[in-house]
Amino acid sequence: MIVGIWLGMNSCFPFSWPFPGQERGRDDWALRCSRIVVNRMGEEVVMTVFTGQNIWFQEIAQDSSWYMDRDFHIYYECVPFQVLNGGVDSVVIYSGNAERLSAWSSFEESAEGRHFFKEDAWNVRVWDEEEYTNYEMTFELLPEDIRNRETIEND
């Protein structure tokens, strides 16, 4: 039981990792990532994010930002965009009066046009700071993201 508690505490990294060659600590993070959504749709919207286990609802005022992730640390080699969006199944944008404006599914990331799950639709800023490489990824919700009702109803 004591060993289980000790290993459980180690999973939060307060001590050295017990396996040789894999020491990890809070100061060993390599990447620090932030994922931001900016509302440029000309009205307040509600962004609904569906994951396999949760649903997030976030009101985003006109011309304001929402940090989906702020200073998310990644300590292994990876593509930050894939890690941050890896657990998201779909995103739906609603107007303030609950009208469905847009929807994106991770299963249709190869679809034409701007898409929440396409990395090239995001503005990515990368810079080094001390021991971190910082990734700031910003997705702007634009008026052209509003899709007609017939298209959305068939999603």
N, C-alpha and C. Protein backbone atom coordinates (compact mmCIF):
# COMPACT_ATOMS: atom_id res chain seq x y z
N MET A 1 0.81 -1.19 0.00
CA MET A 1 0.00 0.00 0.00
C MET A 1 0.86 1.26 0.00
N ILE A 2 1.91 1.24 0.79
CA ILE A 2 2.80 2.40 0.87
C ILE A 2 3.49 2.62 -0.47
N VAL A 3 3.88 1.54 -1.14
CA VAL A 3 4.52 1.66 -2.46
C VAL A 3 3.54 2.27 -3.45
N GLY A 4 2.28 1.87 -3.41
CA GLY A 4 1.25 2.42 -4.29
C GLY A 4 1.06 3.90 -4.08
N ILE A 5 1.06 4.33 -2.82
CA ILE A 5 0.92 5.76 -2.51
C ILE A 5 2.13 6.52 -3.03
N TRP A 6 3.33 5.95 -2.81
CA TRP A 6 4.55 6.61 -3.27
C TRP A 6 4.57 6.74 -4.78
N LEU A 7 4.19 5.68 -5.51
CA LEU A 7 4.15 5.74 -6.97
C LEU A 7 3.09 6.73 -7.43
N GLY A 8 1.97 6.78 -6.74
CA GLY A 8 0.92 7.75 -7.07
C GLY A 8 1.41 9.18 -6.91
N MET A 9 2.16 9.42 -5.86
CA MET A 9 2.71 10.75 -5.65
C MET A 9 3.75 11.06 -6.71
N ASN A 10 4.51 10.08 -7.14
CA ASN A 10 5.52 10.29 -8.18
C ASN A 10 4.88 10.64 -9.51
N SER A 11 3.67 10.17 -9.76
CA SER A 11 3.04 10.47 -11.04
C SER A 11 2.76 11.95 -11.20
N CYS A 12 2.74 12.68 -10.11
CA CYS A 12 2.57 14.14 -10.17
C CYS A 12 3.92 14.85 -10.23
N PHE A 13 5.00 14.11 -10.28
CA PHE A 13 6.37 14.59 -10.45
C PHE A 13 6.96 15.40 -9.29
N PRO A 14 6.55 15.20 -8.04
CA PRO A 14 7.23 15.98 -7.01
C PRO A 14 8.62 15.42 -6.68
N PHE A 15 8.87 14.16 -7.05
CA PHE A 15 10.16 13.54 -6.77
C PHE A 15 10.76 13.06 -8.08
N SER A 16 11.95 12.53 -8.03
CA SER A 16 12.57 11.97 -9.24
C SER A 16 11.80 10.73 -9.65
N TRP A 17 11.70 10.55 -10.94
CA TRP A 17 11.03 9.37 -11.48
C TRP A 17 11.85 8.14 -11.10
N PRO A 18 11.23 7.03 -10.71
CA PRO A 18 11.99 5.92 -10.15
C PRO A 18 12.72 5.05 -11.18
N PHE A 19 12.52 5.27 -12.47
CA PHE A 19 13.16 4.41 -13.46
C PHE A 19 14.40 5.09 -14.03
N PRO A 20 15.54 4.36 -14.11
CA PRO A 20 16.79 4.96 -14.59
C PRO A 20 16.64 5.51 -16.00
N GLY A 21 17.25 6.67 -16.24
CA GLY A 21 17.24 7.27 -17.57
C GLY A 21 15.94 7.99 -17.91
N GLN A 22 14.98 7.99 -16.99
CA GLN A 22 13.71 8.67 -17.27
C GLN A 22 13.36 9.66 -16.16
N GLU A 23 14.37 10.28 -15.57
CA GLU A 23 14.08 11.23 -14.52
C GLU A 23 13.28 12.38 -15.10
N ARG A 24 12.23 12.75 -14.40
CA ARG A 24 11.40 13.86 -14.83
C ARG A 24 11.08 14.73 -13.62
N GLY A 25 10.97 15.99 -13.85
CA GLY A 25 10.59 16.91 -12.80
C GLY A 25 9.84 18.07 -13.40
N ARG A 26 9.28 18.90 -12.56
CA ARG A 26 8.48 20.03 -13.05
C ARG A 26 9.30 20.98 -13.92
N ASP A 27 10.61 21.05 -13.72
CA ASP A 27 11.44 21.97 -14.48
C ASP A 27 11.92 21.39 -15.81
N ASP A 28 11.51 20.15 -16.14
CA ASP A 28 11.99 19.49 -17.35
C ASP A 28 11.06 19.62 -18.54
N TRP A 29 10.00 20.44 -18.45
CA TRP A 29 9.07 20.58 -19.57
C TRP A 29 9.81 21.17 -20.76
N ALA A 30 9.52 20.68 -21.93
CA ALA A 30 10.17 21.18 -23.14
C ALA A 30 9.29 22.18 -23.87
N LEU A 31 7.98 21.94 -23.90
CA LEU A 31 7.06 22.80 -24.64
C LEU A 31 6.01 23.40 -23.71
N ARG A 32 5.67 24.65 -23.96
CA ARG A 32 4.59 25.31 -23.23
C ARG A 32 3.63 25.83 -24.30
N CYS A 33 2.40 25.32 -24.28
CA CYS A 33 1.45 25.60 -25.35
C CYS A 33 0.21 26.33 -24.83
N SER A 34 -0.30 27.24 -25.66
CA SER A 34 -1.57 27.91 -25.38
C SER A 34 -2.42 27.80 -26.64
N ARG A 35 -3.70 27.54 -26.44
CA ARG A 35 -4.66 27.43 -27.55
C ARG A 35 -5.75 28.45 -27.29
N ILE A 36 -5.93 29.37 -28.25
CA ILE A 36 -6.82 30.51 -28.07
C ILE A 36 -7.84 30.54 -29.21
N VAL A 37 -9.09 30.86 -28.88
CA VAL A 37 -10.12 31.08 -29.89
C VAL A 37 -10.54 32.55 -29.77
N VAL A 38 -10.54 33.26 -30.91
CA VAL A 38 -10.92 34.67 -30.96
C VAL A 38 -12.21 34.78 -31.75
N ASN A 39 -13.19 35.48 -31.20
CA ASN A 39 -14.49 35.65 -31.86
C ASN A 39 -14.49 36.92 -32.70
N ARG A 40 -14.49 36.73 -34.01
CA ARG A 40 -14.58 37.85 -34.97
C ARG A 40 -15.88 37.76 -35.77
N MET A 41 -16.89 37.07 -35.25
CA MET A 41 -18.13 36.83 -35.99
C MET A 41 -19.09 38.02 -35.95
N GLY A 42 -18.81 39.04 -35.18
CA GLY A 42 -19.67 40.20 -35.14
C GLY A 42 -20.81 40.09 -34.14
N GLU A 43 -20.81 39.06 -33.33
CA GLU A 43 -21.84 38.86 -32.30
C GLU A 43 -21.29 37.91 -31.24
N GLU A 44 -21.93 37.90 -30.09
CA GLU A 44 -21.55 36.95 -29.05
C GLU A 44 -21.92 35.54 -29.51
N VAL A 45 -21.05 34.58 -29.24
CA VAL A 45 -21.32 33.20 -29.62
C VAL A 45 -21.08 32.29 -28.41
N VAL A 46 -21.61 31.08 -28.52
CA VAL A 46 -21.33 30.03 -27.54
C VAL A 46 -20.62 28.92 -28.28
N MET A 47 -19.43 28.60 -27.82
CA MET A 47 -18.65 27.53 -28.43
C MET A 47 -18.84 26.28 -27.58
N THR A 48 -19.24 25.20 -28.24
CA THR A 48 -19.45 23.93 -27.56
C THR A 48 -18.40 22.96 -28.07
N VAL A 49 -17.62 22.41 -27.16
CA VAL A 49 -16.53 21.49 -27.51
C VAL A 49 -16.89 20.12 -26.95
N PHE A 50 -16.96 19.13 -27.83
CA PHE A 50 -17.30 17.77 -27.43
C PHE A 50 -16.03 16.91 -27.43
N THR A 51 -15.78 16.26 -26.31
CA THR A 51 -14.70 15.27 -26.23
C THR A 51 -15.36 13.93 -25.94
N GLY A 52 -14.59 12.91 -25.85
CA GLY A 52 -15.15 11.60 -25.55
C GLY A 52 -15.78 11.53 -24.17
N GLN A 53 -15.40 12.42 -23.26
CA GLN A 53 -15.87 12.34 -21.89
C GLN A 53 -16.54 13.61 -21.37
N ASN A 54 -16.36 14.74 -22.06
CA ASN A 54 -16.87 16.01 -21.55
C ASN A 54 -17.49 16.84 -22.66
N ILE A 55 -18.28 17.81 -22.25
CA ILE A 55 -18.79 18.83 -23.14
C ILE A 55 -18.49 20.16 -22.46
N TRP A 56 -17.79 21.06 -23.16
CA TRP A 56 -17.52 22.40 -22.64
C TRP A 56 -18.44 23.37 -23.34
N PHE A 57 -18.98 24.30 -22.60
CA PHE A 57 -19.75 25.41 -23.16
C PHE A 57 -19.01 26.68 -22.77
N GLN A 58 -18.71 27.51 -23.75
CA GLN A 58 -18.01 28.75 -23.44
C GLN A 58 -18.61 29.90 -24.22
N GLU A 59 -19.11 30.90 -23.51
CA GLU A 59 -19.57 32.13 -24.16
C GLU A 59 -18.35 32.96 -24.51
N ILE A 60 -18.34 33.44 -25.75
CA ILE A 60 -17.22 34.29 -26.19
C ILE A 60 -17.84 35.57 -26.74
N ALA A 61 -17.61 36.66 -26.06
CA ALA A 61 -18.15 37.96 -26.49
C ALA A 61 -17.52 38.37 -27.82
N GLN A 62 -18.20 39.26 -28.51
CA GLN A 62 -17.71 39.78 -29.78
C GLN A 62 -16.33 40.40 -29.59
N ASP A 63 -15.41 40.06 -30.49
CA ASP A 63 -14.04 40.58 -30.47
C ASP A 63 -13.28 40.29 -29.18
N SER A 64 -13.58 39.16 -28.55
CA SER A 64 -12.82 38.76 -27.37
C SER A 64 -12.24 37.36 -27.58
N SER A 65 -11.43 36.93 -26.64
CA SER A 65 -10.70 35.67 -26.75
C SER A 65 -11.04 34.71 -25.62
N TRP A 66 -10.87 33.43 -25.90
CA TRP A 66 -11.02 32.40 -24.90
C TRP A 66 -9.79 31.50 -24.97
N TYR A 67 -9.12 31.34 -23.84
CA TYR A 67 -8.00 30.41 -23.76
C TYR A 67 -8.55 29.02 -23.50
N MET A 68 -8.53 28.19 -24.52
CA MET A 68 -8.93 26.79 -24.32
C MET A 68 -7.90 26.09 -23.44
N ASP A 69 -6.65 26.40 -23.69
CA ASP A 69 -5.53 25.90 -22.88
C ASP A 69 -4.56 27.06 -22.70
N ARG A 70 -4.08 27.22 -21.50
CA ARG A 70 -3.09 28.27 -21.23
C ARG A 70 -1.89 27.62 -20.57
N ASP A 71 -0.73 27.78 -21.19
CA ASP A 71 0.52 27.24 -20.66
C ASP A 71 0.43 25.74 -20.37
N PHE A 72 -0.12 24.99 -21.31
CA PHE A 72 -0.19 23.53 -21.22
C PHE A 72 1.21 23.00 -21.50
N HIS A 73 1.76 22.22 -20.58
CA HIS A 73 3.14 21.74 -20.70
C HIS A 73 3.19 20.35 -21.33
N ILE A 74 4.10 20.18 -22.27
CA ILE A 74 4.32 18.88 -22.92
C ILE A 74 5.80 18.57 -22.76
N TYR A 75 6.10 17.39 -22.27
CA TYR A 75 7.48 17.05 -21.95
C TYR A 75 8.06 15.98 -22.87
N TYR A 76 7.38 15.65 -23.96
CA TYR A 76 7.89 14.65 -24.89
C TYR A 76 7.78 15.18 -26.31
N GLU A 77 8.53 14.58 -27.22
CA GLU A 77 8.54 15.03 -28.60
C GLU A 77 7.18 14.75 -29.25
N CYS A 78 6.59 15.76 -29.84
CA CYS A 78 5.26 15.61 -30.41
C CYS A 78 4.96 16.79 -31.33
N VAL A 79 3.79 16.75 -31.92
CA VAL A 79 3.26 17.89 -32.67
C VAL A 79 2.22 18.53 -31.74
N PRO A 80 2.49 19.72 -31.21
CA PRO A 80 1.59 20.32 -30.22
C PRO A 80 0.14 20.40 -30.68
N PHE A 81 -0.09 20.74 -31.95
CA PHE A 81 -1.46 20.85 -32.45
C PHE A 81 -2.21 19.53 -32.30
N GLN A 82 -1.55 18.43 -32.60
CA GLN A 82 -2.18 17.12 -32.49
C GLN A 82 -2.46 16.75 -31.05
N VAL A 83 -1.57 17.11 -30.15
CA VAL A 83 -1.77 16.80 -28.74
C VAL A 83 -2.96 17.60 -28.18
N LEU A 84 -3.00 18.89 -28.47
CA LEU A 84 -4.05 19.74 -27.91
C LEU A 84 -5.43 19.42 -28.48
N ASN A 85 -5.51 19.06 -29.76
CA ASN A 85 -6.81 18.75 -30.36
C ASN A 85 -7.09 17.26 -30.41
N GLY A 86 -6.19 16.45 -29.88
CA GLY A 86 -6.33 15.00 -29.95
C GLY A 86 -7.57 14.44 -29.29
N GLY A 87 -8.04 15.02 -28.22
CA GLY A 87 -9.20 14.49 -27.52
C GLY A 87 -10.52 15.15 -27.90
N VAL A 88 -10.48 16.09 -28.84
CA VAL A 88 -11.69 16.81 -29.23
C VAL A 88 -12.35 16.09 -30.40
N ASP A 89 -13.64 15.77 -30.26
CA ASP A 89 -14.39 15.09 -31.33
C ASP A 89 -15.04 16.07 -32.28
N SER A 90 -15.65 17.12 -31.73
CA SER A 90 -16.31 18.11 -32.58
C SER A 90 -16.47 19.43 -31.84
N VAL A 91 -16.71 20.47 -32.64
CA VAL A 91 -16.90 21.82 -32.13
C VAL A 91 -18.13 22.39 -32.83
N VAL A 92 -19.04 22.97 -32.05
CA VAL A 92 -20.24 23.59 -32.62
C VAL A 92 -20.31 25.02 -32.09
N ILE A 93 -20.62 25.95 -33.00
CA ILE A 93 -20.75 27.36 -32.64
C ILE A 93 -22.22 27.74 -32.72
N TYR A 94 -22.73 28.34 -31.64
CA TYR A 94 -24.12 28.81 -31.57
C TYR A 94 -24.13 30.32 -31.40
N SER A 95 -25.16 30.96 -31.92
CA SER A 95 -25.34 32.39 -31.67
C SER A 95 -25.85 32.56 -30.24
N GLY A 96 -25.93 33.80 -29.79
CA GLY A 96 -26.43 34.08 -28.46
C GLY A 96 -27.87 33.63 -28.25
N ASN A 97 -28.66 33.52 -29.34
CA ASN A 97 -30.04 33.06 -29.22
C ASN A 97 -30.19 31.59 -29.61
N ALA A 98 -29.11 30.83 -29.49
CA ALA A 98 -29.08 29.37 -29.67
C ALA A 98 -29.27 28.90 -31.11
N GLU A 99 -29.01 29.75 -32.09
CA GLU A 99 -29.05 29.33 -33.49
C GLU A 99 -27.69 28.70 -33.83
N ARG A 100 -27.73 27.53 -34.40
CA ARG A 100 -26.50 26.83 -34.76
C ARG A 100 -25.86 27.50 -35.97
N LEU A 101 -24.64 28.00 -35.80
CA LEU A 101 -23.97 28.76 -36.85
C LEU A 101 -22.97 27.93 -37.64
N SER A 102 -22.24 27.07 -36.94
CA SER A 102 -21.19 26.30 -37.60
C SER A 102 -20.89 25.05 -36.80
N ALA A 103 -20.37 24.05 -37.48
CA ALA A 103 -19.99 22.80 -36.82
C ALA A 103 -18.78 22.20 -37.54
N TRP A 104 -17.85 21.69 -36.75
CA TRP A 104 -16.69 21.01 -37.29
C TRP A 104 -16.52 19.69 -36.56
N SER A 105 -16.23 18.66 -37.30
CA SER A 105 -15.99 17.34 -36.71
C SER A 105 -14.55 16.94 -37.01
N SER A 106 -13.91 16.29 -36.06
CA SER A 106 -12.54 15.84 -36.29
C SER A 106 -12.47 14.77 -37.37
N PHE A 107 -13.58 14.13 -37.65
CA PHE A 107 -13.61 13.07 -38.66
C PHE A 107 -13.63 13.62 -40.08
N GLU A 108 -13.90 14.90 -40.25
CA GLU A 108 -13.93 15.49 -41.58
C GLU A 108 -12.84 16.55 -41.75
N GLU A 109 -11.71 16.37 -41.10
CA GLU A 109 -10.65 17.36 -41.17
C GLU A 109 -10.09 17.50 -42.57
N SER A 110 -10.33 16.54 -43.47
CA SER A 110 -9.85 16.64 -44.84
C SER A 110 -10.83 17.40 -45.73
N ALA A 111 -11.94 17.89 -45.17
CA ALA A 111 -12.92 18.66 -45.94
C ALA A 111 -12.30 19.95 -46.47
N GLU A 112 -12.87 20.48 -47.53
CA GLU A 112 -12.36 21.72 -48.11
C GLU A 112 -12.71 22.92 -47.23
N GLY A 113 -11.94 23.99 -47.39
CA GLY A 113 -12.20 25.23 -46.67
C GLY A 113 -11.58 25.26 -45.29
N ARG A 114 -11.83 26.36 -44.61
CA ARG A 114 -11.33 26.53 -43.23
C ARG A 114 -11.99 25.51 -42.33
N HIS A 115 -11.21 24.97 -41.44
CA HIS A 115 -11.74 23.92 -40.58
C HIS A 115 -11.00 23.98 -39.25
N PHE A 116 -11.74 23.88 -38.15
CA PHE A 116 -11.15 23.94 -36.82
C PHE A 116 -10.05 22.90 -36.62
N PHE A 117 -10.17 21.75 -37.26
CA PHE A 117 -9.22 20.66 -37.06
C PHE A 117 -8.09 20.62 -38.08
N LYS A 118 -7.98 21.65 -38.91
CA LYS A 118 -6.86 21.76 -39.84
C LYS A 118 -5.84 22.73 -39.25
N GLU A 119 -4.63 22.28 -39.12
CA GLU A 119 -3.60 23.10 -38.50
C GLU A 119 -3.35 24.40 -39.26
N ASP A 120 -3.49 24.36 -40.59
CA ASP A 120 -3.21 25.58 -41.36
C ASP A 120 -4.29 26.65 -41.20
N ALA A 121 -5.41 26.34 -40.54
CA ALA A 121 -6.44 27.34 -40.25
C ALA A 121 -6.10 28.12 -38.97
N TRP A 122 -5.11 27.69 -38.25
CA TRP A 122 -4.70 28.33 -37.00
C TRP A 122 -3.49 29.22 -37.25
N ASN A 123 -3.42 30.33 -36.55
CA ASN A 123 -2.22 31.17 -36.55
C ASN A 123 -1.32 30.63 -35.45
N VAL A 124 -0.12 30.23 -35.82
CA VAL A 124 0.80 29.64 -34.84
C VAL A 124 1.99 30.56 -34.67
N ARG A 125 2.27 30.87 -33.44
CA ARG A 125 3.43 31.69 -33.09
C ARG A 125 4.33 30.85 -32.20
N VAL A 126 5.61 30.77 -32.55
CA VAL A 126 6.57 29.94 -31.80
C VAL A 126 7.74 30.83 -31.39
N TRP A 127 8.15 30.72 -30.13
CA TRP A 127 9.32 31.44 -29.66
C TRP A 127 9.95 30.67 -28.50
N ASP A 128 11.25 30.89 -28.34
CA ASP A 128 11.99 30.26 -27.25
C ASP A 128 12.12 31.24 -26.10
N GLU A 129 11.98 30.70 -24.91
CA GLU A 129 12.08 31.51 -23.70
C GLU A 129 12.68 30.64 -22.61
N GLU A 130 13.89 30.97 -22.19
CA GLU A 130 14.61 30.19 -21.20
C GLU A 130 14.65 28.72 -21.64
N GLU A 131 14.13 27.81 -20.83
CA GLU A 131 14.19 26.39 -21.16
C GLU A 131 12.97 25.90 -21.93
N TYR A 132 12.05 26.81 -22.29
CA TYR A 132 10.82 26.42 -22.97
C TYR A 132 10.82 26.83 -24.43
N THR A 133 10.14 26.05 -25.24
CA THR A 133 9.71 26.49 -26.56
C THR A 133 8.22 26.72 -26.43
N ASN A 134 7.79 27.93 -26.70
CA ASN A 134 6.39 28.32 -26.53
C ASN A 134 5.65 28.22 -27.85
N TYR A 135 4.48 27.63 -27.82
CA TYR A 135 3.58 27.56 -28.97
C TYR A 135 2.28 28.26 -28.58
N GLU A 136 1.92 29.28 -29.34
CA GLU A 136 0.65 29.95 -29.12
C GLU A 136 -0.16 29.77 -30.40
N MET A 137 -1.24 29.02 -30.30
CA MET A 137 -2.07 28.70 -31.46
C MET A 137 -3.41 29.42 -31.33
N THR A 138 -3.76 30.20 -32.35
CA THR A 138 -4.97 31.01 -32.30
C THR A 138 -5.87 30.68 -33.49
N PHE A 139 -7.14 30.39 -33.18
CA PHE A 139 -8.16 30.16 -34.21
C PHE A 139 -9.15 31.30 -34.15
N GLU A 140 -9.35 31.98 -35.27
CA GLU A 140 -10.31 33.08 -35.32
C GLU A 140 -11.63 32.58 -35.90
N LEU A 141 -12.71 32.79 -35.16
CA LEU A 141 -14.05 32.53 -35.67
C LEU A 141 -14.42 33.71 -36.55
N LEU A 142 -14.63 33.47 -37.84
CA LEU A 142 -14.88 34.54 -38.80
C LEU A 142 -16.30 34.47 -39.34
N PRO A 143 -16.84 35.60 -39.83
CA PRO A 143 -18.19 35.58 -40.40
C PRO A 143 -18.36 34.54 -41.51
N GLU A 144 -17.32 34.28 -42.28
CA GLU A 144 -17.43 33.28 -43.35
C GLU A 144 -17.52 31.85 -42.83
N ASP A 145 -17.31 31.66 -41.52
CA ASP A 145 -17.48 30.33 -40.93
C ASP A 145 -18.95 29.96 -40.74
N ILE A 146 -19.83 30.96 -40.82
CA ILE A 146 -21.26 30.68 -40.67
C ILE A 146 -21.71 29.93 -41.91
N ARG A 147 -22.30 28.76 -41.69
CA ARG A 147 -22.75 27.92 -42.80
C ARG A 147 -24.26 27.96 -42.85
N ASN A 148 -24.83 27.79 -44.05
CA ASN A 148 -26.29 27.86 -44.15
C ASN A 148 -26.94 26.69 -43.42
N ARG A 149 -28.18 26.86 -43.06
CA ARG A 149 -28.89 25.89 -42.23
C ARG A 149 -28.96 24.50 -42.86
N GLU A 150 -29.13 24.43 -44.18
CA GLU A 150 -29.24 23.11 -44.83
C GLU A 150 -27.95 22.31 -44.65
N THR A 151 -26.81 22.97 -44.78
CA THR A 151 -25.53 22.30 -44.61
C THR A 151 -25.37 21.81 -43.18
N ILE A 152 -25.71 22.65 -42.21
CA ILE A 152 -25.54 22.28 -40.80
C ILE A 152 -26.48 21.14 -40.42
N GLU A 153 -27.70 21.18 -40.89
CA GLU A 153 -28.67 20.14 -40.54
C GLU A 153 -28.21 18.78 -41.05
N ASN A 154 -27.39 18.75 -42.09
CA ASN A 154 -26.92 17.48 -42.65
C ASN A 154 -25.60 17.01 -42.04
N ASP A 155 -25.04 17.78 -41.10
CA ASP A 155 -23.77 17.39 -40.45
C ASP A 155 -23.97 16.15 -39.60
